[in-house]
Amino acid sequence: MADTITHPAQEVDEKLWKGGKSPFKISYGKLMMWYFLLSDAFTFAGFLIAYGSLRASMPTWPVPDFVFSTFPGGLHDKPLLFVTVMTFILLASSYTMVRAVQEGHRENKKGVIFWMILTIIGGLGFLGSQAWEWTTLIGEEHVTVTTNPFSAHTESGVYLEGDGHTINEGDTFIAGDPYLIHKHHGEWHQLSYKVTEGDDAGLVKQQNFGPRAFGALFFFITGFHGFHVLSGVIFLLIICVNVATGLYVERKNGYEMVEKIGLYWHFVDLVWVFVFLVFYLI
């Protein structure tokens, strides 16, 4: 009688999870990495939504083809060419990261090191490209977090000097054309212009700076992403050194640590696709 009573309880107890082994099909470390990436995705989403809201509330906004048109070597009027190269470098590093994870599953130590080094080079290349872009915008175009010389005209007109004389015959612009106000000897010089069309035709007005939010949003969001790339490069270096010293060999878990940093790196690449879309294409 006693055996009949206790036997069902023993069967139920054997089906319960007793700990010591993950109830999921992935390890605790990878599960926590997914949790972190999910929370980070919400952070980036909030930033990009804020950017979209502020941009939609502005009557004018800098034209990406005009703002991002320079290329190393003194080349100009190359819309989005440089940022396309940046994007290609980062996406190529995502491929090399995939290859490093594949070699880790094969327990191929040399293969993991080779492909991780290429991934690190790709990350450094992207950071160097971003540093050049920032240097150009700040040093040559004078964009700051509080001042944005880029914008777009809301009306057609012709540029004038301070005394009301035309700078160049036929130096006109149409509504929506982007413009840039430069510094001269450390001071801003805003050009005047005469409206040529519309209800205000004939009136002399002064160019205004573009929306101040542009510089702050651009440097903050791209800088925040750049910080993620820099952090990823540092972690890649540490893990690559650990792989080279044979730290993960005895674990025989397919170099799981390489796979975890691979998840992070792919996330960083994916976020850049959205940043590229929002800032450079739309």
C-alpha atoms as a PDB file:
ATOM      1  CA  MET A   1       0.000   0.000   0.000  1.00  0.00           C
ATOM      2  CA  ALA A   2       2.853   2.383   0.915  1.00  0.00           C
ATOM      3  CA  ASP A   3       4.595   1.651  -2.403  1.00  0.00           C
ATOM      4  CA  THR A   4       1.430   2.535  -4.298  1.00  0.00           C
ATOM      5  CA  ILE A   5       1.248   5.952  -2.572  1.00  0.00           C
ATOM      6  CA  THR A   6       4.875   7.032  -2.897  1.00  0.00           C
ATOM      7  CA  HIS A   7       5.539   5.766  -6.425  1.00  0.00           C
ATOM      8  CA  PRO A   8       3.641   8.576  -8.301  1.00  0.00           C
ATOM      9  CA  ALA A   9       5.406  11.198  -6.166  1.00  0.00           C
ATOM     10  CA  GLN A  10       8.771   9.753  -7.093  1.00  0.00           C
ATOM     11  CA  GLU A  11       7.905   9.881 -10.819  1.00  0.00           C
ATOM     12  CA  VAL A  12       6.860  13.531 -10.558  1.00  0.00           C
ATOM     13  CA  ASP A  13      10.053  14.376  -8.657  1.00  0.00           C
ATOM     14  CA  GLU A  14      12.210  12.828 -11.356  1.00  0.00           C
ATOM     15  CA  LYS A  15      10.615  15.077 -13.998  1.00  0.00           C
ATOM     16  CA  LEU A  16      11.376  18.273 -12.086  1.00  0.00           C
ATOM     17  CA  TRP A  17      14.432  20.390 -12.965  1.00  0.00           C
ATOM     18  CA  LYS A  18      16.980  19.914 -10.179  1.00  0.00           C
ATOM     19  CA  GLY A  19      19.371  22.677 -11.233  1.00  0.00           C
ATOM     20  CA  GLY A  20      22.985  22.410 -12.365  1.00  0.00           C
ATOM     21  CA  LYS A  21      21.936  22.301 -16.001  1.00  0.00           C
ATOM     22  CA  SER A  22      20.235  24.977 -18.051  1.00  0.00           C
ATOM     23  CA  PRO A  23      16.555  24.265 -18.783  1.00  0.00           C
ATOM     24  CA  PHE A  24      17.046  26.033 -22.129  1.00  0.00           C
ATOM     25  CA  LYS A  25      18.903  24.827 -25.201  1.00  0.00           C
ATOM     26  CA  ILE A  26      21.536  27.561 -24.840  1.00  0.00           C
ATOM     27  CA  SER A  27      23.985  28.290 -22.066  1.00  0.00           C
ATOM     28  CA  TYR A  28      23.459  30.848 -19.335  1.00  0.00           C
ATOM     29  CA  GLY A  29      26.154  33.092 -20.847  1.00  0.00           C
ATOM     30  CA  LYS A  30      24.522  33.268 -24.279  1.00  0.00           C
ATOM     31  CA  LEU A  31      21.106  33.796 -22.704  1.00  0.00           C
ATOM     32  CA  MET A  32      22.412  36.793 -20.755  1.00  0.00           C
ATOM     33  CA  MET A  33      24.027  38.153 -23.913  1.00  0.00           C
ATOM     34  CA  TRP A  34      20.654  38.033 -25.681  1.00  0.00           C
ATOM     35  CA  TYR A  35      19.062  39.877 -22.732  1.00  0.00           C
ATOM     36  CA  PHE A  36      21.733  42.574 -22.939  1.00  0.00           C
ATOM     37  CA  LEU A  37      21.342  42.958 -26.707  1.00  0.00           C
ATOM     38  CA  LEU A  38      17.567  43.235 -26.358  1.00  0.00           C
ATOM     39  CA  SER A  39      17.858  46.023 -23.784  1.00  0.00           C
ATOM     40  CA  ASP A  40      20.494  47.782 -25.922  1.00  0.00           C
ATOM     41  CA  ALA A  41      18.197  47.532 -28.953  1.00  0.00           C
ATOM     42  CA  PHE A  42      15.511  49.417 -27.003  1.00  0.00           C
ATOM     43  CA  THR A  43      18.077  52.113 -26.170  1.00  0.00           C
ATOM     44  CA  PHE A  44      19.061  52.634 -29.802  1.00  0.00           C
ATOM     45  CA  ALA A  45      15.415  52.516 -30.852  1.00  0.00           C
ATOM     46  CA  GLY A  46      14.625  55.305 -28.383  1.00  0.00           C
ATOM     47  CA  PHE A  47      17.443  57.461 -29.744  1.00  0.00           C
ATOM     48  CA  LEU A  48      16.422  56.960 -33.364  1.00  0.00           C
ATOM     49  CA  ILE A  49      12.750  57.610 -32.593  1.00  0.00           C
ATOM     50  CA  ALA A  50      13.745  60.832 -30.824  1.00  0.00           C
ATOM     51  CA  TYR A  51      15.776  61.814 -33.888  1.00  0.00           C
ATOM     52  CA  GLY A  52      12.817  61.148 -36.165  1.00  0.00           C
ATOM     53  CA  SER A  53      10.462  63.141 -33.948  1.00  0.00           C
ATOM     54  CA  LEU A  54      12.754  66.171 -33.777  1.00  0.00           C
ATOM     55  CA  ARG A  55      13.453  66.050 -37.482  1.00  0.00           C
ATOM     56  CA  ALA A  56       9.746  65.874 -38.338  1.00  0.00           C
ATOM     57  CA  SER A  57       9.103  68.930 -36.168  1.00  0.00           C
ATOM     58  CA  MET A  58      11.638  71.089 -38.073  1.00  0.00           C
ATOM     59  CA  PRO A  59      10.615  73.087 -41.176  1.00  0.00           C
ATOM     60  CA  THR A  60      14.006  72.410 -42.811  1.00  0.00           C
ATOM     61  CA  TRP A  61      16.690  69.790 -42.334  1.00  0.00           C
ATOM     62  CA  PRO A  62      20.213  69.341 -43.761  1.00  0.00           C
ATOM     63  CA  VAL A  63      20.344  67.360 -46.999  1.00  0.00           C
ATOM     64  CA  PRO A  64      22.547  64.240 -46.518  1.00  0.00           C
ATOM     65  CA  ASP A  65      23.827  64.337 -50.108  1.00  0.00           C
ATOM     66  CA  PHE A  66      25.202  67.806 -49.412  1.00  0.00           C
ATOM     67  CA  VAL A  67      26.469  67.312 -45.848  1.00  0.00           C
ATOM     68  CA  PHE A  68      28.237  63.985 -46.433  1.00  0.00           C
ATOM     69  CA  SER A  69      29.786  64.616 -49.828  1.00  0.00           C
ATOM     70  CA  THR A  70      33.518  64.766 -49.089  1.00  0.00           C
ATOM     71  CA  PHE A  71      36.022  61.949 -49.578  1.00  0.00           C
ATOM     72  CA  PRO A  72      39.658  61.570 -48.428  1.00  0.00           C
ATOM     73  CA  GLY A  73      42.209  63.001 -50.817  1.00  0.00           C
ATOM     74  CA  GLY A  74      40.476  66.320 -51.289  1.00  0.00           C
ATOM     75  CA  LEU A  75      37.608  64.913 -53.321  1.00  0.00           C
ATOM     76  CA  HIS A  76      34.278  66.715 -53.067  1.00  0.00           C
ATOM     77  CA  ASP A  77      30.788  66.341 -54.455  1.00  0.00           C
ATOM     78  CA  LYS A  78      30.814  62.586 -53.871  1.00  0.00           C
ATOM     79  CA  PRO A  79      27.497  62.122 -52.054  1.00  0.00           C
ATOM     80  CA  LEU A  80      27.533  59.308 -49.481  1.00  0.00           C
ATOM     81  CA  LEU A  81      30.560  57.618 -51.101  1.00  0.00           C
ATOM     82  CA  PHE A  82      32.687  57.678 -47.968  1.00  0.00           C
ATOM     83  CA  VAL A  83      29.949  56.462 -45.619  1.00  0.00           C
ATOM     84  CA  THR A  84      29.259  53.650 -48.100  1.00  0.00           C
ATOM     85  CA  VAL A  85      32.886  52.570 -47.759  1.00  0.00           C
ATOM     86  CA  MET A  86      32.526  52.725 -43.957  1.00  0.00           C
ATOM     87  CA  THR A  87      29.428  50.541 -44.095  1.00  0.00           C
ATOM     88  CA  PHE A  88      31.119  48.010 -46.370  1.00  0.00           C
ATOM     89  CA  ILE A  89      34.076  47.730 -43.966  1.00  0.00           C
ATOM     90  CA  LEU A  90      31.804  47.057 -41.003  1.00  0.00           C
ATOM     91  CA  LEU A  91      29.630  44.535 -42.849  1.00  0.00           C
ATOM     92  CA  ALA A  92      32.747  42.751 -44.123  1.00  0.00           C
ATOM     93  CA  SER A  93      33.938  42.433 -40.520  1.00  0.00           C
ATOM     94  CA  SER A  94      30.617  40.763 -39.720  1.00  0.00           C
ATOM     95  CA  TYR A  95      31.443  38.085 -42.294  1.00  0.00           C
ATOM     96  CA  THR A  96      34.893  37.484 -40.804  1.00  0.00           C
ATOM     97  CA  MET A  97      33.246  37.158 -37.397  1.00  0.00           C
ATOM     98  CA  VAL A  98      30.963  34.443 -38.776  1.00  0.00           C
ATOM     99  CA  ARG A  99      34.017  32.573 -40.057  1.00  0.00           C
ATOM    100  CA  ALA A 100      35.705  32.850 -36.639  1.00  0.00           C
ATOM    101  CA  VAL A 101      32.633  31.290 -34.970  1.00  0.00           C
ATOM    102  CA  GLN A 102      32.567  28.502 -37.569  1.00  0.00           C
ATOM    103  CA  GLU A 103      36.214  27.669 -36.937  1.00  0.00           C
ATOM    104  CA  GLY A 104      35.499  27.676 -33.216  1.00  0.00           C
ATOM    105  CA  HIS A 105      32.793  25.047 -33.668  1.00  0.00           C
ATOM    106  CA  ARG A 106      35.431  22.943 -35.440  1.00  0.00           C
ATOM    107  CA  GLU A 107      37.848  23.493 -32.534  1.00  0.00           C
ATOM    108  CA  ASN A 108      40.286  25.031 -35.019  1.00  0.00           C
ATOM    109  CA  LYS A 109      42.385  27.354 -32.869  1.00  0.00           C
ATOM    110  CA  LYS A 110      44.459  28.843 -35.711  1.00  0.00           C
ATOM    111  CA  GLY A 111      41.374  29.487 -37.810  1.00  0.00           C
ATOM    112  CA  VAL A 112      39.671  31.313 -34.942  1.00  0.00           C
ATOM    113  CA  ILE A 113      42.702  33.544 -34.413  1.00  0.00           C
ATOM    114  CA  PHE A 114      43.048  34.344 -38.128  1.00  0.00           C
ATOM    115  CA  TRP A 115      39.447  35.395 -38.643  1.00  0.00           C
ATOM    116  CA  MET A 116      39.256  37.285 -35.342  1.00  0.00           C
ATOM    117  CA  ILE A 117      42.307  39.326 -36.318  1.00  0.00           C
ATOM    118  CA  LEU A 118      40.592  40.258 -39.589  1.00  0.00           C
ATOM    119  CA  THR A 119      37.485  41.247 -37.624  1.00  0.00           C
ATOM    120  CA  ILE A 120      39.576  43.460 -35.344  1.00  0.00           C
ATOM    121  CA  ILE A 121      41.177  45.113 -38.374  1.00  0.00           C
ATOM    122  CA  GLY A 122      37.721  45.766 -39.812  1.00  0.00           C
ATOM    123  CA  GLY A 123      36.547  47.331 -36.553  1.00  0.00           C
ATOM    124  CA  LEU A 124      39.613  49.560 -36.362  1.00  0.00           C
ATOM    125  CA  GLY A 125      39.109  50.546 -40.001  1.00  0.00           C
ATOM    126  CA  PHE A 126      35.548  51.610 -39.280  1.00  0.00           C
ATOM    127  CA  LEU A 127      36.605  53.614 -36.218  1.00  0.00           C
ATOM    128  CA  GLY A 128      39.334  55.328 -38.217  1.00  0.00           C
ATOM    129  CA  SER A 129      36.827  56.210 -40.935  1.00  0.00           C
ATOM    130  CA  GLN A 130      34.407  57.617 -38.377  1.00  0.00           C
ATOM    131  CA  ALA A 131      37.204  59.673 -36.814  1.00  0.00           C
ATOM    132  CA  TRP A 132      38.000  61.184 -40.231  1.00  0.00           C
ATOM    133  CA  GLU A 133      34.325  61.987 -40.816  1.00  0.00           C
ATOM    134  CA  TRP A 134      34.013  63.702 -37.445  1.00  0.00           C
ATOM    135  CA  THR A 135      37.247  65.627 -37.984  1.00  0.00           C
ATOM    136  CA  THR A 136      36.007  66.871 -41.359  1.00  0.00           C
ATOM    137  CA  LEU A 137      32.611  67.954 -40.036  1.00  0.00           C
ATOM    138  CA  ILE A 138      34.055  69.693 -36.985  1.00  0.00           C
ATOM    139  CA  GLY A 139      37.285  71.103 -38.417  1.00  0.00           C
ATOM    140  CA  GLU A 140      36.249  72.063 -41.951  1.00  0.00           C
ATOM    141  CA  GLU A 141      32.462  72.376 -41.857  1.00  0.00           C
ATOM    142  CA  HIS A 142      32.324  73.758 -38.276  1.00  0.00           C
ATOM    143  CA  VAL A 143      29.470  71.548 -37.139  1.00  0.00           C
ATOM    144  CA  THR A 144      29.183  71.323 -33.342  1.00  0.00           C
ATOM    145  CA  VAL A 145      26.616  70.063 -30.863  1.00  0.00           C
ATOM    146  CA  THR A 146      25.254  73.607 -30.579  1.00  0.00           C
ATOM    147  CA  THR A 147      25.865  75.080 -34.056  1.00  0.00           C
ATOM    148  CA  ASN A 148      24.743  73.647 -37.377  1.00  0.00           C
ATOM    149  CA  PRO A 149      25.651  75.636 -40.503  1.00  0.00           C
ATOM    150  CA  PHE A 150      23.825  73.167 -42.735  1.00  0.00           C
ATOM    151  CA  SER A 151      20.200  73.687 -43.635  1.00  0.00           C
ATOM    152  CA  ALA A 152      18.001  74.253 -46.679  1.00  0.00           C
ATOM    153  CA  HIS A 153      16.459  77.434 -48.062  1.00  0.00           C
ATOM    154  CA  THR A 154      12.711  77.756 -47.771  1.00  0.00           C
ATOM    155  CA  GLU A 155      12.595  80.338 -50.563  1.00  0.00           C
ATOM    156  CA  SER A 156      14.407  81.280 -53.769  1.00  0.00           C
ATOM    157  CA  GLY A 157      16.884  84.153 -53.878  1.00  0.00           C
ATOM    158  CA  VAL A 158      20.256  85.584 -54.877  1.00  0.00           C
ATOM    159  CA  TYR A 159      23.287  86.010 -52.604  1.00  0.00           C
ATOM    160  CA  LEU A 160      24.244  89.569 -51.612  1.00  0.00           C
ATOM    161  CA  GLU A 161      27.189  91.233 -49.905  1.00  0.00           C
ATOM    162  CA  GLY A 162      26.742  93.353 -46.809  1.00  0.00           C
ATOM    163  CA  ASP A 163      26.404  96.533 -48.871  1.00  0.00           C
ATOM    164  CA  GLY A 164      23.686  95.011 -51.028  1.00  0.00           C
ATOM    165  CA  HIS A 165      25.735  94.229 -54.123  1.00  0.00           C
ATOM    166  CA  THR A 166      25.553  90.831 -55.790  1.00  0.00           C
ATOM    167  CA  ILE A 167      28.598  88.626 -55.111  1.00  0.00           C
ATOM    168  CA  ASN A 168      28.547  86.836 -58.447  1.00  0.00           C
ATOM    169  CA  GLU A 169      26.250  87.471 -61.341  1.00  0.00           C
ATOM    170  CA  GLY A 170      23.681  84.695 -61.375  1.00  0.00           C
ATOM    171  CA  ASP A 171      24.742  83.228 -58.001  1.00  0.00           C
ATOM    172  CA  THR A 172      21.193  82.247 -57.172  1.00  0.00           C
ATOM    173  CA  PHE A 173      19.526  79.436 -55.295  1.00  0.00           C
ATOM    174  CA  ILE A 174      16.104  77.853 -55.351  1.00  0.00           C
ATOM    175  CA  ALA A 175      13.880  76.829 -52.494  1.00  0.00           C
ATOM    176  CA  GLY A 176      15.159  73.696 -50.820  1.00  0.00           C
ATOM    177  CA  ASP A 177      18.793  74.115 -51.887  1.00  0.00           C
ATOM    178  CA  PRO A 178      21.189  73.306 -49.025  1.00  0.00           C
ATOM    179  CA  TYR A 179      23.732  75.880 -47.938  1.00  0.00           C
ATOM    180  CA  LEU A 180      26.701  76.135 -45.596  1.00  0.00           C
ATOM    181  CA  ILE A 181      27.905  79.136 -43.602  1.00  0.00           C
ATOM    182  CA  HIS A 182      31.657  79.086 -42.912  1.00  0.00           C
ATOM    183  CA  LYS A 183      33.771  80.680 -40.230  1.00  0.00           C
ATOM    184  CA  HIS A 184      36.345  83.283 -41.230  1.00  0.00           C
ATOM    185  CA  HIS A 185      39.160  84.159 -38.797  1.00  0.00           C
ATOM    186  CA  GLY A 186      37.231  82.427 -36.048  1.00  0.00           C
ATOM    187  CA  GLU A 187      34.029  84.391 -36.601  1.00  0.00           C
ATOM    188  CA  TRP A 188      30.774  83.479 -38.288  1.00  0.00           C
ATOM    189  CA  HIS A 189      29.849  85.459 -41.374  1.00  0.00           C
ATOM    190  CA  GLN A 190      26.232  85.086 -42.397  1.00  0.00           C
ATOM    191  CA  LEU A 191      25.413  86.080 -45.978  1.00  0.00           C
ATOM    192  CA  SER A 192      22.435  88.210 -46.887  1.00  0.00           C
ATOM    193  CA  TYR A 193      20.229  87.352 -49.820  1.00  0.00           C
ATOM    194  CA  LYS A 194      17.445  88.931 -51.833  1.00  0.00           C
ATOM    195  CA  VAL A 195      14.256  86.930 -52.277  1.00  0.00           C
ATOM    196  CA  THR A 196      13.451  86.529 -55.972  1.00  0.00           C
ATOM    197  CA  GLU A 197      10.159  84.621 -55.885  1.00  0.00           C
ATOM    198  CA  GLY A 198       7.023  84.406 -53.804  1.00  0.00           C
ATOM    199  CA  ASP A 199       5.214  86.926 -51.664  1.00  0.00           C
ATOM    200  CA  ASP A 200       8.502  88.278 -50.214  1.00  0.00           C
ATOM    201  CA  ALA A 201      10.131  88.880 -53.611  1.00  0.00           C
ATOM    202  CA  GLY A 202      12.567  91.792 -53.452  1.00  0.00           C
ATOM    203  CA  LEU A 203      13.080  91.660 -49.678  1.00  0.00           C
ATOM    204  CA  VAL A 204      16.641  91.328 -48.325  1.00  0.00           C
ATOM    205  CA  LYS A 205      17.035  88.674 -45.657  1.00  0.00           C
ATOM    206  CA  GLN A 206      19.908  87.024 -43.792  1.00  0.00           C
ATOM    207  CA  GLN A 207      20.705  83.344 -43.854  1.00  0.00           C
ATOM    208  CA  ASN A 208      19.920  81.536 -40.647  1.00  0.00           C
ATOM    209  CA  PHE A 209      21.772  78.575 -39.208  1.00  0.00           C
ATOM    210  CA  GLY A 210      20.229  75.155 -39.608  1.00  0.00           C
ATOM    211  CA  PRO A 211      18.418  73.345 -36.780  1.00  0.00           C
ATOM    212  CA  ARG A 212      20.749  73.073 -33.781  1.00  0.00           C
ATOM    213  CA  ALA A 213      19.497  69.585 -32.978  1.00  0.00           C
ATOM    214  CA  PHE A 214      21.202  68.127 -36.062  1.00  0.00           C
ATOM    215  CA  GLY A 215      24.761  68.301 -34.741  1.00  0.00           C
ATOM    216  CA  ALA A 216      23.848  67.136 -31.251  1.00  0.00           C
ATOM    217  CA  LEU A 217      21.853  64.166 -32.530  1.00  0.00           C
ATOM    218  CA  PHE A 218      24.436  63.181 -35.129  1.00  0.00           C
ATOM    219  CA  PHE A 219      27.437  63.237 -32.797  1.00  0.00           C
ATOM    220  CA  PHE A 220      25.575  61.625 -29.906  1.00  0.00           C
ATOM    221  CA  ILE A 221      23.998  58.731 -31.796  1.00  0.00           C
ATOM    222  CA  THR A 222      26.932  57.952 -34.100  1.00  0.00           C
ATOM    223  CA  GLY A 223      29.277  58.437 -31.139  1.00  0.00           C
ATOM    224  CA  PHE A 224      27.236  56.050 -29.025  1.00  0.00           C
ATOM    225  CA  HIS A 225      27.431  53.483 -31.800  1.00  0.00           C
ATOM    226  CA  GLY A 226      31.161  54.159 -32.198  1.00  0.00           C
ATOM    227  CA  PHE A 227      31.585  53.495 -28.470  1.00  0.00           C
ATOM    228  CA  HIS A 228      29.952  50.102 -28.986  1.00  0.00           C
ATOM    229  CA  VAL A 229      32.335  49.362 -31.853  1.00  0.00           C
ATOM    230  CA  LEU A 230      35.337  50.404 -29.745  1.00  0.00           C
ATOM    231  CA  SER A 231      34.143  48.235 -26.850  1.00  0.00           C
ATOM    232  CA  GLY A 232      33.690  45.337 -29.261  1.00  0.00           C
ATOM    233  CA  VAL A 233      37.224  45.745 -30.619  1.00  0.00           C
ATOM    234  CA  ILE A 234      38.625  45.704 -27.075  1.00  0.00           C
ATOM    235  CA  PHE A 235      36.681  42.545 -26.191  1.00  0.00           C
ATOM    236  CA  LEU A 236      37.746  40.938 -29.466  1.00  0.00           C
ATOM    237  CA  LEU A 237      41.389  41.643 -28.634  1.00  0.00           C
ATOM    238  CA  ILE A 238      41.053  40.132 -25.154  1.00  0.00           C
ATOM    239  CA  ILE A 239      39.264  37.026 -26.406  1.00  0.00           C
ATOM    240  CA  CYS A 240      41.703  36.624 -29.299  1.00  0.00           C
ATOM    241  CA  VAL A 241      44.613  36.684 -26.834  1.00  0.00           C
ATOM    242  CA  ASN A 242      42.824  34.098 -24.676  1.00  0.00           C
ATOM    243  CA  VAL A 243      42.324  31.885 -27.733  1.00  0.00           C
ATOM    244  CA  ALA A 244      46.011  32.196 -28.636  1.00  0.00           C
ATOM    245  CA  THR A 245      47.078  31.193 -25.118  1.00  0.00           C
ATOM    246  CA  GLY A 246      44.878  28.091 -25.271  1.00  0.00           C
ATOM    247  CA  LEU A 247      42.533  29.183 -22.468  1.00  0.00           C
ATOM    248  CA  TYR A 248      39.445  27.786 -24.194  1.00  0.00           C
ATOM    249  CA  VAL A 249      40.973  24.564 -25.531  1.00  0.00           C
ATOM    250  CA  GLU A 250      40.189  22.402 -22.492  1.00  0.00           C
ATOM    251  CA  ARG A 251      36.580  23.491 -22.353  1.00  0.00           C
ATOM    252  CA  LYS A 252      35.694  21.727 -25.614  1.00  0.00           C
ATOM    253  CA  ASN A 253      32.561  23.848 -26.010  1.00  0.00           C
ATOM    254  CA  GLY A 254      33.136  25.073 -29.552  1.00  0.00           C
ATOM    255  CA  TYR A 255      34.782  28.284 -28.328  1.00  0.00           C
ATOM    256  CA  GLU A 256      31.528  29.556 -26.899  1.00  0.00           C
ATOM    257  CA  MET A 257      33.126  32.813 -25.789  1.00  0.00           C
ATOM    258  CA  VAL A 258      33.915  33.587 -29.437  1.00  0.00           C
ATOM    259  CA  GLU A 259      30.287  32.913 -30.308  1.00  0.00           C
ATOM    260  CA  LYS A 260      29.073  35.278 -27.577  1.00  0.00           C
ATOM    261  CA  ILE A 261      31.253  38.155 -28.737  1.00  0.00           C
ATOM    262  CA  GLY A 262      30.086  37.298 -32.263  1.00  0.00           C
ATOM    263  CA  LEU A 263      26.479  37.949 -31.223  1.00  0.00           C
ATOM    264  CA  TYR A 264      27.495  41.344 -29.906  1.00  0.00           C
ATOM    265  CA  TRP A 265      29.432  42.200 -33.070  1.00  0.00           C
ATOM    266  CA  HIS A 266      26.542  41.258 -35.363  1.00  0.00           C
ATOM    267  CA  PHE A 267      24.237  43.411 -33.245  1.00  0.00           C
ATOM    268  CA  VAL A 268      26.574  46.404 -33.628  1.00  0.00           C
ATOM    269  CA  ASP A 269      26.611  45.878 -37.402  1.00  0.00           C
ATOM    270  CA  LEU A 270      22.825  45.625 -37.545  1.00  0.00           C
ATOM    271  CA  VAL A 271      22.379  48.831 -35.551  1.00  0.00           C
ATOM    272  CA  TRP A 272      24.657  50.655 -37.984  1.00  0.00           C
ATOM    273  CA  VAL A 273      22.345  49.670 -40.844  1.00  0.00           C
ATOM    274  CA  PHE A 274      19.520  51.569 -39.128  1.00  0.00           C
ATOM    275  CA  VAL A 275      21.772  54.529 -38.261  1.00  0.00           C
ATOM    276  CA  PHE A 276      22.935  54.627 -41.883  1.00  0.00           C
ATOM    277  CA  LEU A 277      19.337  54.578 -43.089  1.00  0.00           C
ATOM    278  CA  VAL A 278      18.132  57.329 -40.763  1.00  0.00           C
ATOM    279  CA  PHE A 279      21.048  59.782 -40.963  1.00  0.00           C
ATOM    280  CA  TYR A 280      22.444  59.262 -44.449  1.00  0.00           C
ATOM    281  CA  LEU A 281      19.637  58.040 -46.712  1.00  0.00           C
ATOM    282  CA  ILE A 282      16.397  59.612 -45.505  1.00  0.00           C
END
